[in-house]
Amino acid sequence: MPNRAHVRSLVAGVVSLGASAHCLAFTTPEPTALIDQQRCMFCHKVDTPYRAPSFQQIADRYRDVPGASDMLAAKLRAGGKAHWGESAMPSAMQRGGGPLSRDDAGKLVQWVLSQ
């Protein structure tokens, strides 16, 4: 039968492992090259509104909304009407970012929603 010290050590290890897995599950690496290519930072900042809402504001609004990822990805590619004031989201071509694939738009949205 294991002693108390052994049990405490085992429990601490499991808790630590769970905390690490939890952190990893919510960590999405920044797609820096895509952000630069698509000129996202011309209007957005991570945590402060600029010309458009911050990525954190976007995440707070849409993170738990069903279908939001697809809607945001489509908006990144084709542009769309204003949801935050009067400025509409320009299309990838209008931003000067060139064509944006569905996969790349999805990566950007996944990162934004992880903020």
PDB file of N, CA and C in Angstrom:
ATOM      1  N   MET A   1       0.850  -1.180   0.000  1.00  0.00           N
ATOM      2  CA  MET A   1       0.000   0.000   0.000  1.00  0.00           C
ATOM      3  C   MET A   1       0.899   1.247   0.000  1.00  0.00           C
ATOM      4  N   PRO A   2       0.616   2.233  -0.870  1.00  0.00           N
ATOM      5  CA  PRO A   2       1.464   3.413  -0.951  1.00  0.00           C
ATOM      6  C   PRO A   2       1.314   4.292   0.294  1.00  0.00           C
ATOM      7  N   ASN A   3       2.414   4.959   0.653  1.00  0.00           N
ATOM      8  CA  ASN A   3       2.342   5.865   1.797  1.00  0.00           C
ATOM      9  C   ASN A   3       1.805   7.223   1.354  1.00  0.00           C
ATOM     10  N   ARG A   4       1.528   8.101   2.325  1.00  0.00           N
ATOM     11  CA  ARG A   4       0.923   9.406   2.018  1.00  0.00           C
ATOM     12  C   ARG A   4       1.806  10.273   1.136  1.00  0.00           C
ATOM     13  N   ALA A   5       3.095  10.243   1.360  1.00  0.00           N
ATOM     14  CA  ALA A   5       4.007  11.052   0.547  1.00  0.00           C
ATOM     15  C   ALA A   5       3.943  10.611  -0.909  1.00  0.00           C
ATOM     16  N   HIS A   6       3.876   9.319  -1.132  1.00  0.00           N
ATOM     17  CA  HIS A   6       3.793   8.793  -2.491  1.00  0.00           C
ATOM     18  C   HIS A   6       2.483   9.239  -3.161  1.00  0.00           C
ATOM     19  N   VAL A   7       1.381   9.156  -2.413  1.00  0.00           N
ATOM     20  CA  VAL A   7       0.084   9.554  -2.947  1.00  0.00           C
ATOM     21  C   VAL A   7       0.081  11.050  -3.266  1.00  0.00           C
ATOM     22  N   ARG A   8       0.620  11.878  -2.354  1.00  0.00           N
ATOM     23  CA  ARG A   8       0.686  13.325  -2.606  1.00  0.00           C
ATOM     24  C   ARG A   8       1.498  13.625  -3.857  1.00  0.00           C
ATOM     25  N   SER A   9       2.616  12.951  -3.998  1.00  0.00           N
ATOM     26  CA  SER A   9       3.473  13.150  -5.163  1.00  0.00           C
ATOM     27  C   SER A   9       2.733  12.765  -6.443  1.00  0.00           C
ATOM     28  N   LEU A  10       2.029  11.663  -6.402  1.00  0.00           N
ATOM     29  CA  LEU A  10       1.273  11.196  -7.555  1.00  0.00           C
ATOM     30  C   LEU A  10       0.162  12.186  -7.904  1.00  0.00           C
ATOM     31  N   VAL A  11      -0.581  12.661  -6.917  1.00  0.00           N
ATOM     32  CA  VAL A  11      -1.653  13.623  -7.145  1.00  0.00           C
ATOM     33  C   VAL A  11      -1.082  14.927  -7.700  1.00  0.00           C
ATOM     34  N   ALA A  12       0.016  15.400  -7.131  1.00  0.00           N
ATOM     35  CA  ALA A  12       0.640  16.637  -7.620  1.00  0.00           C
ATOM     36  C   ALA A  12       1.053  16.477  -9.077  1.00  0.00           C
ATOM     37  N   GLY A  13       1.581  15.333  -9.435  1.00  0.00           N
ATOM     38  CA  GLY A  13       1.987  15.086 -10.821  1.00  0.00           C
ATOM     39  C   GLY A  13       0.807  15.099 -11.774  1.00  0.00           C
ATOM     40  N   VAL A  14      -0.292  14.478 -11.380  1.00  0.00           N
ATOM     41  CA  VAL A  14      -1.489  14.444 -12.218  1.00  0.00           C
ATOM     42  C   VAL A  14      -2.069  15.847 -12.367  1.00  0.00           C
ATOM     43  N   VAL A  15      -2.133  16.594 -11.279  1.00  0.00           N
ATOM     44  CA  VAL A  15      -2.651  17.962 -11.334  1.00  0.00           C
ATOM     45  C   VAL A  15      -1.772  18.815 -12.233  1.00  0.00           C
ATOM     46  N   SER A  16      -0.465  18.679 -12.097  1.00  0.00           N
ATOM     47  CA  SER A  16       0.467  19.442 -12.929  1.00  0.00           C
ATOM     48  C   SER A  16       0.298  19.082 -14.401  1.00  0.00           C
ATOM     49  N   LEU A  17       0.165  17.812 -14.679  1.00  0.00           N
ATOM     50  CA  LEU A  17      -0.026  17.360 -16.053  1.00  0.00           C
ATOM     51  C   LEU A  17      -1.321  17.915 -16.620  1.00  0.00           C
ATOM     52  N   GLY A  18      -2.382  17.902 -15.832  1.00  0.00           N
ATOM     53  CA  GLY A  18      -3.662  18.439 -16.279  1.00  0.00           C
ATOM     54  C   GLY A  18      -3.577  19.926 -16.551  1.00  0.00           C
ATOM     55  N   ALA A  19      -2.879  20.651 -15.698  1.00  0.00           N
ATOM     56  CA  ALA A  19      -2.726  22.095 -15.902  1.00  0.00           C
ATOM     57  C   ALA A  19      -1.928  22.367 -17.164  1.00  0.00           C
ATOM     58  N   SER A  20      -0.904  21.585 -17.409  1.00  0.00           N
ATOM     59  CA  SER A  20      -0.104  21.766 -18.627  1.00  0.00           C
ATOM     60  C   SER A  20      -0.934  21.483 -19.863  1.00  0.00           C
ATOM     61  N   ALA A  21      -1.702  20.420 -19.832  1.00  0.00           N
ATOM     62  CA  ALA A  21      -2.546  20.084 -20.979  1.00  0.00           C
ATOM     63  C   ALA A  21      -3.583  21.174 -21.204  1.00  0.00           C
ATOM     64  N   HIS A  22      -4.135  21.708 -20.116  1.00  0.00           N
ATOM     65  CA  HIS A  22      -5.121  22.779 -20.229  1.00  0.00           C
ATOM     66  C   HIS A  22      -4.504  23.993 -20.912  1.00  0.00           C
ATOM     67  N   CYS A  23      -3.313  24.372 -20.514  1.00  0.00           N
ATOM     68  CA  CYS A  23      -2.645  25.529 -21.123  1.00  0.00           C
ATOM     69  C   CYS A  23      -2.335  25.273 -22.592  1.00  0.00           C
ATOM     70  N   LEU A  24      -1.898  24.100 -22.920  1.00  0.00           N
ATOM     71  CA  LEU A  24      -1.562  23.777 -24.303  1.00  0.00           C
ATOM     72  C   LEU A  24      -2.800  23.789 -25.187  1.00  0.00           C
ATOM     73  N   ALA A  25      -3.920  23.367 -24.633  1.00  0.00           N
ATOM     74  CA  ALA A  25      -5.148  23.302 -25.422  1.00  0.00           C
ATOM     75  C   ALA A  25      -5.604  24.684 -25.875  1.00  0.00           C
ATOM     76  N   PHE A  26      -5.264  25.714 -25.124  1.00  0.00           N
ATOM     77  CA  PHE A  26      -5.727  27.054 -25.443  1.00  0.00           C
ATOM     78  C   PHE A  26      -4.628  27.943 -25.993  1.00  0.00           C
ATOM     79  N   THR A  27      -3.489  27.376 -26.306  1.00  0.00           N
ATOM     80  CA  THR A  27      -2.401  28.156 -26.857  1.00  0.00           C
ATOM     81  C   THR A  27      -2.362  27.959 -28.367  1.00  0.00           C
ATOM     82  N   THR A  28      -2.608  29.024 -29.087  1.00  0.00           N
ATOM     83  CA  THR A  28      -2.555  28.989 -30.536  1.00  0.00           C
ATOM     84  C   THR A  28      -1.418  29.903 -30.968  1.00  0.00           C
ATOM     85  N   PRO A  29      -0.423  29.358 -31.657  1.00  0.00           N
ATOM     86  CA  PRO A  29       0.701  30.212 -32.048  1.00  0.00           C
ATOM     87  C   PRO A  29       0.268  31.323 -33.000  1.00  0.00           C
ATOM     88  N   GLU A  30       0.878  32.479 -32.844  1.00  0.00           N
ATOM     89  CA  GLU A  30       0.555  33.613 -33.702  1.00  0.00           C
ATOM     90  C   GLU A  30       1.023  33.343 -35.126  1.00  0.00           C
ATOM     91  N   PRO A  31       0.124  33.459 -36.094  1.00  0.00           N
ATOM     92  CA  PRO A  31       0.514  33.270 -37.502  1.00  0.00           C
ATOM     93  C   PRO A  31       1.100  34.580 -38.053  1.00  0.00           C
ATOM     94  N   THR A  32       2.279  34.930 -37.567  1.00  0.00           N
ATOM     95  CA  THR A  32       2.888  36.233 -37.839  1.00  0.00           C
ATOM     96  C   THR A  32       2.980  36.552 -39.326  1.00  0.00           C
ATOM     97  N   ALA A  33       3.412  35.603 -40.136  1.00  0.00           N
ATOM     98  CA  ALA A  33       3.562  35.862 -41.572  1.00  0.00           C
ATOM     99  C   ALA A  33       2.204  36.202 -42.208  1.00  0.00           C
ATOM    100  N   LEU A  34       1.161  35.472 -41.825  1.00  0.00           N
ATOM    101  CA  LEU A  34      -0.180  35.759 -42.354  1.00  0.00           C
ATOM    102  C   LEU A  34      -0.693  37.119 -41.875  1.00  0.00           C
ATOM    103  N   ILE A  35      -0.454  37.425 -40.629  1.00  0.00           N
ATOM    104  CA  ILE A  35      -0.884  38.715 -40.079  1.00  0.00           C
ATOM    105  C   ILE A  35      -0.207  39.853 -40.842  1.00  0.00           C
ATOM    106  N   ASP A  36       1.082  39.691 -41.101  1.00  0.00           N
ATOM    107  CA  ASP A  36       1.815  40.715 -41.863  1.00  0.00           C
ATOM    108  C   ASP A  36       1.315  40.780 -43.307  1.00  0.00           C
ATOM    109  N   GLN A  37       1.172  39.618 -43.942  1.00  0.00           N
ATOM    110  CA  GLN A  37       0.738  39.571 -45.337  1.00  0.00           C
ATOM    111  C   GLN A  37      -0.630  40.210 -45.508  1.00  0.00           C
ATOM    112  N   GLN A  38      -1.536  39.933 -44.578  1.00  0.00           N
ATOM    113  CA  GLN A  38      -2.911  40.425 -44.687  1.00  0.00           C
ATOM    114  C   GLN A  38      -3.097  41.816 -44.082  1.00  0.00           C
ATOM    115  N   ARG A  39      -2.028  42.371 -43.571  1.00  0.00           N
ATOM    116  CA  ARG A  39      -2.026  43.747 -43.036  1.00  0.00           C
ATOM    117  C   ARG A  39      -3.049  43.948 -41.922  1.00  0.00           C
ATOM    118  N   CYS A  40      -3.189  42.950 -41.089  1.00  0.00           N
ATOM    119  CA  CYS A  40      -4.172  42.997 -39.997  1.00  0.00           C
ATOM    120  C   CYS A  40      -3.897  44.144 -39.031  1.00  0.00           C
ATOM    121  N   MET A  41      -2.612  44.378 -38.749  1.00  0.00           N
ATOM    122  CA  MET A  41      -2.252  45.376 -37.745  1.00  0.00           C
ATOM    123  C   MET A  41      -2.408  46.811 -38.241  1.00  0.00           C
ATOM    124  N   PHE A  42      -2.774  46.994 -39.494  1.00  0.00           N
ATOM    125  CA  PHE A  42      -3.065  48.347 -39.970  1.00  0.00           C
ATOM    126  C   PHE A  42      -4.312  48.889 -39.273  1.00  0.00           C
ATOM    127  N   CYS A  43      -5.211  47.992 -38.879  1.00  0.00           N
ATOM    128  CA  CYS A  43      -6.469  48.415 -38.253  1.00  0.00           C
ATOM    129  C   CYS A  43      -6.700  47.815 -36.863  1.00  0.00           C
ATOM    130  N   HIS A  44      -6.117  46.656 -36.591  1.00  0.00           N
ATOM    131  CA  HIS A  44      -6.354  45.944 -35.336  1.00  0.00           C
ATOM    132  C   HIS A  44      -5.099  45.891 -34.485  1.00  0.00           C
ATOM    133  N   LYS A  45      -5.289  45.822 -33.185  1.00  0.00           N
ATOM    134  CA  LYS A  45      -4.243  45.540 -32.204  1.00  0.00           C
ATOM    135  C   LYS A  45      -4.725  44.366 -31.370  1.00  0.00           C
ATOM    136  N   VAL A  46      -3.828  43.719 -30.671  1.00  0.00           N
ATOM    137  CA  VAL A  46      -4.216  42.541 -29.896  1.00  0.00           C
ATOM    138  C   VAL A  46      -5.173  42.903 -28.769  1.00  0.00           C
ATOM    139  N   ASP A  47      -4.835  43.905 -27.967  1.00  0.00           N
ATOM    140  CA  ASP A  47      -5.614  44.158 -26.757  1.00  0.00           C
ATOM    141  C   ASP A  47      -6.179  45.569 -26.622  1.00  0.00           C
ATOM    142  N   THR A  48      -6.041  46.385 -27.650  1.00  0.00           N
ATOM    143  CA  THR A  48      -6.508  47.764 -27.599  1.00  0.00           C
ATOM    144  C   THR A  48      -7.226  48.112 -28.898  1.00  0.00           C
ATOM    145  N   PRO A  49      -8.409  48.700 -28.816  1.00  0.00           N
ATOM    146  CA  PRO A  49      -9.054  49.148 -30.052  1.00  0.00           C
ATOM    147  C   PRO A  49      -8.173  50.180 -30.753  1.00  0.00           C
ATOM    148  N   TYR A  50      -8.172  50.147 -32.043  1.00  0.00           N
ATOM    149  CA  TYR A  50      -7.367  51.084 -32.833  1.00  0.00           C
ATOM    150  C   TYR A  50      -8.313  51.677 -33.872  1.00  0.00           C
ATOM    151  N   ARG A  51      -8.145  51.354 -35.116  1.00  0.00           N
ATOM    152  CA  ARG A  51      -9.099  51.767 -36.156  1.00  0.00           C
ATOM    153  C   ARG A  51     -10.287  50.820 -36.210  1.00  0.00           C
ATOM    154  N   ALA A  52     -10.089  49.670 -35.621  1.00  0.00           N
ATOM    155  CA  ALA A  52     -11.098  48.613 -35.581  1.00  0.00           C
ATOM    156  C   ALA A  52     -10.999  47.961 -34.202  1.00  0.00           C
ATOM    157  N   PRO A  53     -11.907  47.050 -33.873  1.00  0.00           N
ATOM    158  CA  PRO A  53     -11.842  46.425 -32.550  1.00  0.00           C
ATOM    159  C   PRO A  53     -10.565  45.619 -32.362  1.00  0.00           C
ATOM    160  N   SER A  54     -10.153  45.465 -31.110  1.00  0.00           N
ATOM    161  CA  SER A  54      -8.986  44.635 -30.817  1.00  0.00           C
ATOM    162  C   SER A  54      -9.328  43.169 -31.065  1.00  0.00           C
ATOM    163  N   PHE A  55      -8.305  42.354 -31.223  1.00  0.00           N
ATOM    164  CA  PHE A  55      -8.534  40.922 -31.396  1.00  0.00           C
ATOM    165  C   PHE A  55      -9.204  40.349 -30.153  1.00  0.00           C
ATOM    166  N   GLN A  56      -8.860  40.873 -28.979  1.00  0.00           N
ATOM    167  CA  GLN A  56      -9.497  40.382 -27.753  1.00  0.00           C
ATOM    168  C   GLN A  56     -10.988  40.718 -27.746  1.00  0.00           C
ATOM    169  N   GLN A  57     -11.371  41.899 -28.224  1.00  0.00           N
ATOM    170  CA  GLN A  57     -12.791  42.245 -28.299  1.00  0.00           C
ATOM    171  C   GLN A  57     -13.530  41.318 -29.259  1.00  0.00           C
ATOM    172  N   ILE A  58     -12.900  41.039 -30.382  1.00  0.00           N
ATOM    173  CA  ILE A  58     -13.508  40.133 -31.367  1.00  0.00           C
ATOM    174  C   ILE A  58     -13.679  38.750 -30.746  1.00  0.00           C
ATOM    175  N   ALA A  59     -12.643  38.275 -30.073  1.00  0.00           N
ATOM    176  CA  ALA A  59     -12.712  36.959 -29.424  1.00  0.00           C
ATOM    177  C   ALA A  59     -13.808  36.936 -28.368  1.00  0.00           C
ATOM    178  N   ASP A  60     -13.892  37.981 -27.559  1.00  0.00           N
ATOM    179  CA  ASP A  60     -14.921  38.026 -26.520  1.00  0.00           C
ATOM    180  C   ASP A  60     -16.323  37.982 -27.116  1.00  0.00           C
ATOM    181  N   ARG A  61     -16.515  38.636 -28.244  1.00  0.00           N
ATOM    182  CA  ARG A  61     -17.843  38.679 -28.863  1.00  0.00           C
ATOM    183  C   ARG A  61     -18.197  37.364 -29.554  1.00  0.00           C
ATOM    184  N   TYR A  62     -17.232  36.737 -30.216  1.00  0.00           N
ATOM    185  CA  TYR A  62     -17.558  35.613 -31.101  1.00  0.00           C
ATOM    186  C   TYR A  62     -17.074  34.240 -30.642  1.00  0.00           C
ATOM    187  N   ARG A  63     -16.257  34.164 -29.611  1.00  0.00           N
ATOM    188  CA  ARG A  63     -15.636  32.901 -29.203  1.00  0.00           C
ATOM    189  C   ARG A  63     -16.652  31.771 -29.040  1.00  0.00           C
ATOM    190  N   ASP A  64     -17.785  32.032 -28.413  1.00  0.00           N
ATOM    191  CA  ASP A  64     -18.762  30.985 -28.121  1.00  0.00           C
ATOM    192  C   ASP A  64     -20.002  31.028 -29.004  1.00  0.00           C
ATOM    193  N   VAL A  65     -19.920  31.754 -30.106  1.00  0.00           N
ATOM    194  CA  VAL A  65     -21.058  31.876 -31.010  1.00  0.00           C
ATOM    195  C   VAL A  65     -20.975  30.781 -32.081  1.00  0.00           C
ATOM    196  N   PRO A  66     -21.991  29.916 -32.164  1.00  0.00           N
ATOM    197  CA  PRO A  66     -21.978  28.868 -33.188  1.00  0.00           C
ATOM    198  C   PRO A  66     -21.887  29.476 -34.595  1.00  0.00           C
ATOM    199  N   GLY A  67     -21.009  28.929 -35.407  1.00  0.00           N
ATOM    200  CA  GLY A  67     -20.849  29.379 -36.785  1.00  0.00           C
ATOM    201  C   GLY A  67     -20.011  30.635 -36.955  1.00  0.00           C
ATOM    202  N   ALA A  68     -19.556  31.213 -35.851  1.00  0.00           N
ATOM    203  CA  ALA A  68     -18.796  32.457 -35.945  1.00  0.00           C
ATOM    204  C   ALA A  68     -17.470  32.279 -36.683  1.00  0.00           C
ATOM    205  N   SER A  69     -16.808  31.161 -36.492  1.00  0.00           N
ATOM    206  CA  SER A  69     -15.516  30.938 -37.160  1.00  0.00           C
ATOM    207  C   SER A  69     -15.668  31.005 -38.673  1.00  0.00           C
ATOM    208  N   ASP A  70     -16.685  30.337 -39.198  1.00  0.00           N
ATOM    209  CA  ASP A  70     -16.915  30.350 -40.649  1.00  0.00           C
ATOM    210  C   ASP A  70     -17.280  31.750 -41.136  1.00  0.00           C
ATOM    211  N   MET A  71     -18.130  32.456 -40.362  1.00  0.00           N
ATOM    212  CA  MET A  71     -18.531  33.804 -40.739  1.00  0.00           C
ATOM    213  C   MET A  71     -17.324  34.738 -40.763  1.00  0.00           C
ATOM    214  N   LEU A  72     -16.480  34.647 -39.734  1.00  0.00           N
ATOM    215  CA  LEU A  72     -15.303  35.512 -39.662  1.00  0.00           C
ATOM    216  C   LEU A  72     -14.295  35.179 -40.763  1.00  0.00           C
ATOM    217  N   ALA A  73     -14.112  33.912 -41.053  1.00  0.00           N
ATOM    218  CA  ALA A  73     -13.195  33.515 -42.125  1.00  0.00           C
ATOM    219  C   ALA A  73     -13.684  34.045 -43.471  1.00  0.00           C
ATOM    220  N   ALA A  74     -14.982  33.944 -43.708  1.00  0.00           N
ATOM    221  CA  ALA A  74     -15.542  34.472 -44.966  1.00  0.00           C
ATOM    222  C   ALA A  74     -15.367  35.985 -45.036  1.00  0.00           C
ATOM    223  N   LYS A  75     -15.537  36.648 -43.901  1.00  0.00           N
ATOM    224  CA  LYS A  75     -15.390  38.101 -43.864  1.00  0.00           C
ATOM    225  C   LYS A  75     -13.935  38.504 -44.115  1.00  0.00           C
ATOM    226  N   LEU A  76     -13.000  37.729 -43.610  1.00  0.00           N
ATOM    227  CA  LEU A  76     -11.581  38.001 -43.875  1.00  0.00           C
ATOM    228  C   LEU A  76     -11.270  37.897 -45.362  1.00  0.00           C
ATOM    229  N   ARG A  77     -11.888  36.932 -46.013  1.00  0.00           N
ATOM    230  CA  ARG A  77     -11.608  36.711 -47.430  1.00  0.00           C
ATOM    231  C   ARG A  77     -12.326  37.714 -48.329  1.00  0.00           C
ATOM    232  N   ALA A  78     -13.617  37.925 -48.095  1.00  0.00           N
ATOM    233  CA  ALA A  78     -14.429  38.721 -49.018  1.00  0.00           C
ATOM    234  C   ALA A  78     -14.773  40.114 -48.509  1.00  0.00           C
ATOM    235  N   GLY A  79     -14.455  40.396 -47.242  1.00  0.00           N
ATOM    236  CA  GLY A  79     -14.857  41.666 -46.655  1.00  0.00           C
ATOM    237  C   GLY A  79     -16.293  41.569 -46.180  1.00  0.00           C
ATOM    238  N   GLY A  80     -16.800  42.651 -45.638  1.00  0.00           N
ATOM    239  CA  GLY A  80     -18.180  42.610 -45.183  1.00  0.00           C
ATOM    240  C   GLY A  80     -18.591  43.869 -44.468  1.00  0.00           C
ATOM    241  N   LYS A  81     -19.889  43.939 -44.194  1.00  0.00           N
ATOM    242  CA  LYS A  81     -20.451  45.144 -43.581  1.00  0.00           C
ATOM    243  C   LYS A  81     -19.900  45.351 -42.175  1.00  0.00           C
ATOM    244  N   ALA A  82     -20.017  46.577 -41.720  1.00  0.00           N
ATOM    245  CA  ALA A  82     -19.509  46.948 -40.404  1.00  0.00           C
ATOM    246  C   ALA A  82     -20.351  46.323 -39.298  1.00  0.00           C
ATOM    247  N   HIS A  83     -19.692  45.726 -38.338  1.00  0.00           N
ATOM    248  CA  HIS A  83     -20.337  45.218 -37.127  1.00  0.00           C
ATOM    249  C   HIS A  83     -19.861  45.998 -35.914  1.00  0.00           C
ATOM    250  N   TRP A  84     -18.864  46.859 -36.102  1.00  0.00           N
ATOM    251  CA  TRP A  84     -18.231  47.607 -35.008  1.00  0.00           C
ATOM    252  C   TRP A  84     -18.107  49.069 -35.431  1.00  0.00           C
ATOM    253  N   GLY A  85     -19.125  49.794 -35.399  1.00  0.00           N
ATOM    254  CA  GLY A  85     -19.031  51.182 -35.825  1.00  0.00           C
ATOM    255  C   GLY A  85     -19.320  51.302 -37.304  1.00  0.00           C
ATOM    256  N   GLU A  86     -18.655  52.234 -37.962  1.00  0.00           N
ATOM    257  CA  GLU A  86     -18.980  52.537 -39.351  1.00  0.00           C
ATOM    258  C   GLU A  86     -18.006  51.972 -40.379  1.00  0.00           C
ATOM    259  N   SER A  87     -16.884  51.438 -39.944  1.00  0.00           N
ATOM    260  CA  SER A  87     -15.884  50.933 -40.892  1.00  0.00           C
ATOM    261  C   SER A  87     -16.162  49.488 -41.259  1.00  0.00           C
ATOM    262  N   ALA A  88     -16.324  49.259 -42.550  1.00  0.00           N
ATOM    263  CA  ALA A  88     -16.529  47.897 -43.046  1.00  0.00           C
ATOM    264  C   ALA A  88     -15.181  47.183 -43.139  1.00  0.00           C
ATOM    265  N   MET A  89     -15.206  45.866 -43.070  1.00  0.00           N
ATOM    266  CA  MET A  89     -13.996  45.065 -43.222  1.00  0.00           C
ATOM    267  C   MET A  89     -13.688  44.945 -44.711  1.00  0.00           C
ATOM    268  N   PRO A  90     -12.513  45.442 -45.144  1.00  0.00           N
ATOM    269  CA  PRO A  90     -12.166  45.294 -46.564  1.00  0.00           C
ATOM    270  C   PRO A  90     -11.811  43.845 -46.894  1.00  0.00           C
ATOM    271  N   SER A  91     -11.976  43.482 -48.137  1.00  0.00           N
ATOM    272  CA  SER A  91     -11.593  42.133 -48.568  1.00  0.00           C
ATOM    273  C   SER A  91     -10.074  41.994 -48.528  1.00  0.00           C
ATOM    274  N   ALA A  92      -9.611  40.773 -48.644  1.00  0.00           N
ATOM    275  CA  ALA A  92      -8.160  40.526 -48.664  1.00  0.00           C
ATOM    276  C   ALA A  92      -7.502  41.303 -49.802  1.00  0.00           C
ATOM    277  N   MET A  93      -8.143  41.346 -50.954  1.00  0.00           N
ATOM    278  CA  MET A  93      -7.581  42.079 -52.099  1.00  0.00           C
ATOM    279  C   MET A  93      -7.574  43.586 -51.836  1.00  0.00           C
ATOM    280  N   GLN A  94      -8.638  44.111 -51.227  1.00  0.00           N
ATOM    281  CA  GLN A  94      -8.706  45.536 -50.921  1.00  0.00           C
ATOM    282  C   GLN A  94      -7.663  45.943 -49.875  1.00  0.00           C
ATOM    283  N   ARG A  95      -7.334  45.028 -48.974  1.00  0.00           N
ATOM    284  CA  ARG A  95      -6.315  45.306 -47.962  1.00  0.00           C
ATOM    285  C   ARG A  95      -4.918  45.262 -48.554  1.00  0.00           C
ATOM    286  N   GLY A  96      -4.808  44.721 -49.756  1.00  0.00           N
ATOM    287  CA  GLY A  96      -3.490  44.570 -50.375  1.00  0.00           C
ATOM    288  C   GLY A  96      -2.775  43.308 -49.939  1.00  0.00           C
ATOM    289  N   GLY A  97      -3.529  42.413 -49.298  1.00  0.00           N
ATOM    290  CA  GLY A  97      -2.938  41.176 -48.803  1.00  0.00           C
ATOM    291  C   GLY A  97      -2.913  40.059 -49.814  1.00  0.00           C
ATOM    292  N   GLY A  98      -3.498  40.279 -50.971  1.00  0.00           N
ATOM    293  CA  GLY A  98      -3.558  39.227 -51.980  1.00  0.00           C
ATOM    294  C   GLY A  98      -4.601  38.195 -51.611  1.00  0.00           C
ATOM    295  N   PRO A  99      -4.725  37.165 -52.436  1.00  0.00           N
ATOM    296  CA  PRO A  99      -5.732  36.130 -52.170  1.00  0.00           C
ATOM    297  C   PRO A  99      -5.478  35.457 -50.821  1.00  0.00           C
ATOM    298  N   LEU A 100      -6.555  35.143 -50.135  1.00  0.00           N
ATOM    299  CA  LEU A 100      -6.474  34.478 -48.834  1.00  0.00           C
ATOM    300  C   LEU A 100      -7.248  33.167 -48.926  1.00  0.00           C
ATOM    301  N   SER A 101      -6.548  32.064 -48.773  1.00  0.00           N
ATOM    302  CA  SER A 101      -7.199  30.753 -48.862  1.00  0.00           C
ATOM    303  C   SER A 101      -8.112  30.528 -47.657  1.00  0.00           C
ATOM    304  N   ARG A 102      -9.035  29.580 -47.808  1.00  0.00           N
ATOM    305  CA  ARG A 102      -9.917  29.219 -46.692  1.00  0.00           C
ATOM    306  C   ARG A 102      -9.096  28.731 -45.506  1.00  0.00           C
ATOM    307  N   ASP A 103      -8.072  27.944 -45.794  1.00  0.00           N
ATOM    308  CA  ASP A 103      -7.222  27.393 -44.734  1.00  0.00           C
ATOM    309  C   ASP A 103      -6.509  28.515 -43.972  1.00  0.00           C
ATOM    310  N   ASP A 104      -5.936  29.459 -44.705  1.00  0.00           N
ATOM    311  CA  ASP A 104      -5.235  30.563 -44.047  1.00  0.00           C
ATOM    312  C   ASP A 104      -6.201  31.471 -43.290  1.00  0.00           C
ATOM    313  N   ALA A 105      -7.372  31.713 -43.847  1.00  0.00           N
ATOM    314  CA  ALA A 105      -8.383  32.505 -43.132  1.00  0.00           C
ATOM    315  C   ALA A 105      -8.772  31.796 -41.841  1.00  0.00           C
ATOM    316  N   GLY A 106      -8.914  30.484 -41.906  1.00  0.00           N
ATOM    317  CA  GLY A 106      -9.232  29.698 -40.710  1.00  0.00           C
ATOM    318  C   GLY A 106      -8.146  29.790 -39.653  1.00  0.00           C
ATOM    319  N   LYS A 107      -6.885  29.787 -40.071  1.00  0.00           N
ATOM    320  CA  LYS A 107      -5.774  29.929 -39.117  1.00  0.00           C
ATOM    321  C   LYS A 107      -5.823  31.284 -38.425  1.00  0.00           C
ATOM    322  N   LEU A 108      -6.084  32.331 -39.197  1.00  0.00           N
ATOM    323  CA  LEU A 108      -6.172  33.666 -38.606  1.00  0.00           C
ATOM    324  C   LEU A 108      -7.331  33.744 -37.609  1.00  0.00           C
ATOM    325  N   VAL A 109      -8.481  33.212 -37.984  1.00  0.00           N
ATOM    326  CA  VAL A 109      -9.653  33.261 -37.112  1.00  0.00           C
ATOM    327  C   VAL A 109      -9.390  32.455 -35.841  1.00  0.00           C
ATOM    328  N   GLN A 110      -8.799  31.277 -35.986  1.00  0.00           N
ATOM    329  CA  GLN A 110      -8.504  30.442 -34.825  1.00  0.00           C
ATOM    330  C   GLN A 110      -7.596  31.196 -33.846  1.00  0.00           C
ATOM    331  N   TRP A 111      -6.604  31.892 -34.381  1.00  0.00           N
ATOM    332  CA  TRP A 111      -5.700  32.652 -33.523  1.00  0.00           C
ATOM    333  C   TRP A 111      -6.442  33.807 -32.854  1.00  0.00           C
ATOM    334  N   VAL A 112      -7.228  34.555 -33.614  1.00  0.00           N
ATOM    335  CA  VAL A 112      -7.964  35.689 -33.035  1.00  0.00           C
ATOM    336  C   VAL A 112      -8.888  35.187 -31.920  1.00  0.00           C
ATOM    337  N   LEU A 113      -9.618  34.120 -32.162  1.00  0.00           N
ATOM    338  CA  LEU A 113     -10.563  33.620 -31.158  1.00  0.00           C
ATOM    339  C   LEU A 113      -9.865  33.034 -29.938  1.00  0.00           C
ATOM    340  N   SER A 114      -8.565  32.778 -30.039  1.00  0.00           N
ATOM    341  CA  SER A 114      -7.819  32.267 -28.889  1.00  0.00           C
ATOM    342  C   SER A 114      -7.339  33.383 -27.958  1.00  0.00           C
ATOM    343  N   GLN A 115      -7.559  34.624 -28.350  1.00  0.00           N
ATOM    344  CA  GLN A 115      -7.087  35.764 -27.553  1.00  0.00           C
ATOM    345  C   GLN A 115      -7.915  35.926 -26.299  1.00  0.00           C
TER     346      GLN A 115
END
